[in-house]
Amino acid sequence: MARKRFWHCEAARTPPGELAAVRDSSSVGRTFGLVALWLCAVSAGAGGQMLQAPRFVFEPGVITVNAVSAPVSTGSSTGLNLRFVAIVPTRIPWLTVALGTSFAPLGLSNGLRAFNEPTFFYGPVTLLLPRDRTANWLELTLSLLGAYRLDETGEEDRLYVNDLIVQGVATIPVGEKLMADMGSFWSRVAFYAIVEQNLTPSRNVTTERVDRFNPTFQYGVSIPIGRRTSSER
């Protein structure tokens, strides 16, 4: 009980901004620590050779938010979206690790500026439908990612939050199907569509509710960066 009273006393003397920064930094540290621990454990289980050379992609496209459950004051919004992703294959054929960032440099259509701030995401990606099952026309994956981003809901005094998100991704390898004879670069170009749901949403201070189902949609073109890696051959 004494320890609990001490915490409340210290919290009362700590400025809200500093207290939020401490909470955010500790949360980031825990999240990255868990990801690193998971990677080390998986790698150790395969003799330290679990992870392979990463491949990098640049994915310009469009993002649409609040299309399903839009707050009355804002409504649905759309804008240019830029994604930079490092994809790390593993020795398990159906498992990869994704690390990247995304942001909307021009804001969204109704003036929302929160998406100008970058989101950093990281986590495992599971292959659900290999492209060779669809004659190389479609690939489906499911990603369970940590996302460190600006808290656009304005809950309490937090500036950035760590969320757990799930993404269903459909990839259409148009380069492999239609431009295979145009060289390594064009043969790896693909179209993508992402449906993303936040599993740990914050309470919106305007509506005073937690929206449990409000998916975000992202779609665009996936452009390879660098040479073809051994995992792509």
Protein backbone atom coordinates (compact mmCIF):
# COMPACT_ATOMS: atom_id res chain seq x y z
CA MET A 1 0.00 0.00 0.00
CA ALA A 2 2.87 2.36 0.84
CA ARG A 3 4.40 1.83 -2.60
CA LYS A 4 1.08 2.64 -4.24
CA ARG A 5 0.73 5.93 -2.30
CA PHE A 6 4.33 6.81 -3.22
CA TRP A 7 3.58 6.36 -6.93
CA HIS A 8 0.53 8.60 -6.78
CA CYS A 9 2.54 11.25 -4.93
CA GLU A 10 5.36 11.15 -7.51
CA ALA A 11 2.89 11.18 -10.40
CA ALA A 12 1.16 14.23 -8.95
CA ARG A 13 4.47 16.13 -8.82
CA THR A 14 5.50 15.12 -12.34
CA PRO A 15 4.34 17.46 -15.17
CA PRO A 16 1.82 15.71 -17.50
CA GLY A 17 4.05 16.07 -20.56
CA GLU A 18 7.04 14.48 -18.85
CA LEU A 19 4.89 11.70 -17.41
CA ALA A 20 3.50 10.97 -20.89
CA ALA A 21 7.00 10.92 -22.35
CA VAL A 22 8.11 8.44 -19.68
CA ARG A 23 5.13 6.21 -20.40
CA ASP A 24 5.68 6.41 -24.17
CA SER A 25 9.41 5.67 -23.96
CA SER A 26 8.91 2.74 -21.61
CA SER A 27 6.17 1.36 -23.84
CA VAL A 28 8.40 1.67 -26.92
CA GLY A 29 11.23 -0.04 -25.07
CA ARG A 30 9.01 -2.94 -24.02
CA THR A 31 7.63 -3.37 -27.53
CA PHE A 32 11.01 -3.34 -29.27
CA GLY A 33 12.38 -5.61 -26.54
CA LEU A 34 9.66 -8.18 -27.14
CA VAL A 35 10.21 -8.07 -30.92
CA ALA A 36 13.98 -8.48 -30.48
CA LEU A 37 13.48 -11.31 -28.00
CA TRP A 38 11.13 -13.09 -30.41
CA LEU A 39 13.60 -12.75 -33.30
CA CYS A 40 16.47 -14.03 -31.18
CA ALA A 41 14.43 -17.00 -29.96
CA VAL A 42 13.34 -17.95 -33.47
CA SER A 43 16.87 -17.55 -34.83
CA ALA A 44 18.35 -19.64 -32.03
CA GLY A 45 15.84 -22.37 -32.75
CA ALA A 46 17.25 -22.70 -36.27
CA GLY A 47 20.91 -22.63 -35.35
CA GLY A 48 21.19 -18.85 -35.65
CA GLN A 49 20.44 -18.95 -39.39
CA MET A 50 16.74 -18.19 -39.30
CA LEU A 51 16.77 -14.76 -40.94
CA GLN A 52 17.88 -14.20 -44.53
CA ALA A 53 18.93 -11.12 -46.50
CA PRO A 54 16.17 -8.49 -46.51
CA ARG A 55 14.56 -7.01 -49.59
CA PHE A 56 13.30 -3.44 -49.75
CA VAL A 57 10.25 -1.97 -51.45
CA PHE A 58 8.84 1.52 -51.97
CA GLU A 59 5.04 1.55 -52.04
CA PRO A 60 3.34 4.78 -53.14
CA GLY A 61 -0.41 4.65 -53.04
CA VAL A 62 -3.59 5.90 -51.39
CA ILE A 63 -4.92 5.62 -47.85
CA THR A 64 -8.59 5.83 -46.87
CA VAL A 65 -9.64 6.20 -43.22
CA ASN A 66 -13.04 6.22 -41.48
CA ALA A 67 -14.69 4.62 -44.51
CA VAL A 68 -16.72 2.19 -42.39
CA SER A 69 -17.23 3.98 -39.07
CA ALA A 70 -16.65 7.69 -39.59
CA PRO A 71 -16.98 10.25 -36.78
CA VAL A 72 -19.71 12.75 -37.60
CA SER A 73 -17.36 15.72 -37.31
CA THR A 74 -14.79 14.46 -39.81
CA GLY A 75 -16.17 11.80 -42.11
CA SER A 76 -14.19 9.60 -44.46
CA SER A 77 -10.80 10.85 -45.66
CA THR A 78 -8.41 9.89 -48.47
CA GLY A 79 -4.90 10.99 -49.34
CA LEU A 80 -1.55 10.12 -50.86
CA ASN A 81 0.29 7.49 -48.82
CA LEU A 82 3.98 6.52 -48.97
CA ARG A 83 5.32 3.27 -47.52
CA PHE A 84 8.92 2.08 -47.18
CA VAL A 85 9.21 -1.56 -46.13
CA ALA A 86 12.03 -3.99 -45.40
CA ILE A 87 10.91 -7.60 -45.78
CA VAL A 88 13.10 -10.15 -44.04
CA PRO A 89 12.53 -13.77 -45.19
CA THR A 90 13.06 -16.62 -42.75
CA ARG A 91 13.89 -20.30 -43.15
CA ILE A 92 10.19 -20.99 -42.68
CA PRO A 93 8.66 -20.63 -46.17
CA TRP A 94 5.37 -19.13 -44.96
CA LEU A 95 6.86 -16.66 -42.44
CA THR A 96 8.60 -13.29 -42.99
CA VAL A 97 9.31 -10.26 -40.82
CA ALA A 98 8.30 -6.75 -41.92
CA LEU A 99 9.78 -3.46 -40.69
CA GLY A 100 8.82 -0.15 -42.22
CA THR A 101 7.24 3.26 -42.08
CA SER A 102 4.31 5.00 -43.77
CA PHE A 103 2.97 8.54 -43.87
CA ALA A 104 0.65 10.82 -45.82
CA PRO A 105 2.86 13.78 -46.86
CA LEU A 106 -0.01 15.95 -48.13
CA GLY A 107 -2.49 15.18 -45.39
CA LEU A 108 -5.97 13.81 -46.06
CA SER A 109 -8.90 15.10 -48.06
CA ASN A 110 -10.83 16.68 -45.17
CA GLY A 111 -7.85 18.43 -43.61
CA LEU A 112 -6.69 15.74 -41.21
CA ARG A 113 -2.98 16.35 -40.59
CA ALA A 114 -2.24 13.59 -38.07
CA PHE A 115 -1.28 11.19 -40.83
CA ASN A 116 1.56 13.50 -41.87
CA GLU A 117 3.44 12.04 -38.92
CA PRO A 118 5.14 8.72 -39.78
CA THR A 119 3.93 5.41 -38.45
CA PHE A 120 6.61 2.83 -37.71
CA PHE A 121 5.49 -0.79 -37.93
CA TYR A 122 7.19 -4.14 -37.29
CA GLY A 123 6.23 -7.76 -36.85
CA PRO A 124 5.64 -11.18 -38.41
CA VAL A 125 3.86 -11.76 -41.72
CA THR A 126 2.17 -15.10 -42.39
CA LEU A 127 1.57 -16.36 -45.92
CA LEU A 128 -2.03 -17.54 -46.32
CA LEU A 129 -2.27 -18.11 -50.07
CA PRO A 130 0.95 -18.59 -52.10
CA ARG A 131 0.94 -17.08 -55.56
CA ASP A 132 1.78 -20.42 -57.18
CA ARG A 133 -1.66 -21.66 -56.06
CA THR A 134 -3.29 -19.01 -58.26
CA ALA A 135 -1.05 -19.28 -61.34
CA ASN A 136 0.96 -16.29 -60.00
CA TRP A 137 -2.03 -13.94 -60.10
CA LEU A 138 -2.70 -13.42 -56.39
CA GLU A 139 -0.96 -13.73 -53.02
CA LEU A 140 -2.62 -13.30 -49.61
CA THR A 141 -0.82 -12.60 -46.32
CA LEU A 142 -1.83 -11.80 -42.74
CA SER A 143 0.35 -9.46 -40.65
CA LEU A 144 0.25 -8.94 -36.89
CA LEU A 145 2.24 -5.77 -36.32
CA GLY A 146 3.23 -3.31 -33.66
CA ALA A 147 2.63 0.29 -34.76
CA TYR A 148 4.23 3.32 -33.10
CA ARG A 149 2.38 6.44 -34.21
CA LEU A 150 0.74 9.73 -33.27
CA ASP A 151 -2.37 9.38 -31.10
CA GLU A 152 -4.88 11.13 -33.36
CA THR A 153 -7.76 10.43 -30.91
CA GLY A 154 -6.36 12.92 -28.39
CA GLU A 155 -6.84 10.62 -25.43
CA GLU A 156 -5.43 12.01 -22.16
CA ASP A 157 -2.02 13.69 -22.57
CA ARG A 158 -0.31 11.09 -24.72
CA LEU A 159 1.41 12.19 -27.91
CA TYR A 160 2.47 8.84 -29.39
CA VAL A 161 1.04 5.39 -28.77
CA ASN A 162 1.99 1.79 -29.44
CA ASP A 163 -0.86 -0.08 -31.10
CA LEU A 164 -1.31 -3.69 -32.11
CA ILE A 165 -2.70 -3.90 -35.64
CA VAL A 166 -3.68 -6.70 -37.98
CA GLN A 167 -3.38 -6.38 -41.76
CA GLY A 168 -4.84 -8.52 -44.48
CA VAL A 169 -2.79 -7.95 -47.65
CA ALA A 170 -3.61 -8.93 -51.22
CA THR A 171 -0.74 -8.71 -53.72
CA ILE A 172 -1.13 -8.98 -57.49
CA PRO A 173 2.31 -9.63 -59.09
CA VAL A 174 1.59 -7.92 -62.39
CA GLY A 175 5.29 -7.64 -63.18
CA GLU A 176 5.84 -11.36 -62.91
CA LYS A 177 2.84 -12.07 -65.11
CA LEU A 178 3.01 -9.31 -67.69
CA MET A 179 6.55 -7.89 -67.64
CA ALA A 180 8.74 -10.90 -66.93
CA ASP A 181 10.78 -10.34 -70.09
CA MET A 182 11.50 -6.68 -69.29
CA GLY A 183 14.21 -7.31 -66.70
CA SER A 184 14.58 -7.91 -62.98
CA PHE A 185 13.14 -4.56 -61.91
CA TRP A 186 9.87 -4.62 -63.86
CA SER A 187 9.24 -8.30 -63.21
CA ARG A 188 9.05 -7.57 -59.46
CA VAL A 189 6.54 -4.70 -59.63
CA ALA A 190 3.20 -5.54 -58.02
CA PHE A 191 -0.13 -4.01 -56.99
CA TYR A 192 -1.18 -4.26 -53.35
CA ALA A 193 -4.33 -3.74 -51.27
CA ILE A 194 -4.34 -3.66 -47.47
CA VAL A 195 -7.20 -3.82 -44.97
CA GLU A 196 -5.92 -2.76 -41.54
CA GLN A 197 -7.68 -2.94 -38.18
CA ASN A 198 -6.38 -1.51 -34.91
CA LEU A 199 -6.78 -4.11 -32.15
CA THR A 200 -5.96 -1.65 -29.35
CA PRO A 201 -7.85 1.56 -30.22
CA SER A 202 -7.86 4.57 -27.88
CA ARG A 203 -10.94 6.36 -26.65
CA ASN A 204 -11.90 9.30 -28.84
CA VAL A 205 -12.19 12.44 -26.71
CA THR A 206 -14.80 13.92 -29.06
CA THR A 207 -17.18 10.97 -29.26
CA GLU A 208 -16.17 9.57 -25.83
CA ARG A 209 -16.17 6.02 -27.13
CA VAL A 210 -13.76 3.35 -28.29
CA ASP A 211 -14.36 2.35 -31.90
CA ARG A 212 -13.57 -1.36 -32.10
CA PHE A 213 -14.21 -1.71 -35.83
CA ASN A 214 -12.93 1.07 -38.07
CA PRO A 215 -10.63 -0.44 -40.72
CA THR A 216 -8.15 1.57 -42.75
CA PHE A 217 -7.68 0.82 -46.46
CA GLN A 218 -4.39 1.20 -48.33
CA TYR A 219 -3.75 0.42 -51.98
CA GLY A 220 -1.09 1.19 -54.54
CA VAL A 221 1.96 -0.16 -56.34
CA SER A 222 4.93 -2.01 -54.84
CA ILE A 223 8.27 -0.99 -56.40
CA PRO A 224 11.44 -2.98 -55.61
CA ILE A 225 14.57 -1.24 -54.35
CA GLY A 226 17.94 -2.83 -55.11
CA ARG A 227 18.81 -6.11 -56.73
CA ARG A 228 16.86 -9.32 -56.58
CA THR A 229 17.75 -11.30 -53.45
CA SER A 230 18.30 -15.06 -53.18
CA SER A 231 14.90 -15.50 -51.52
CA GLU A 232 13.20 -14.07 -54.63
CA ARG A 233 14.90 -16.38 -57.10
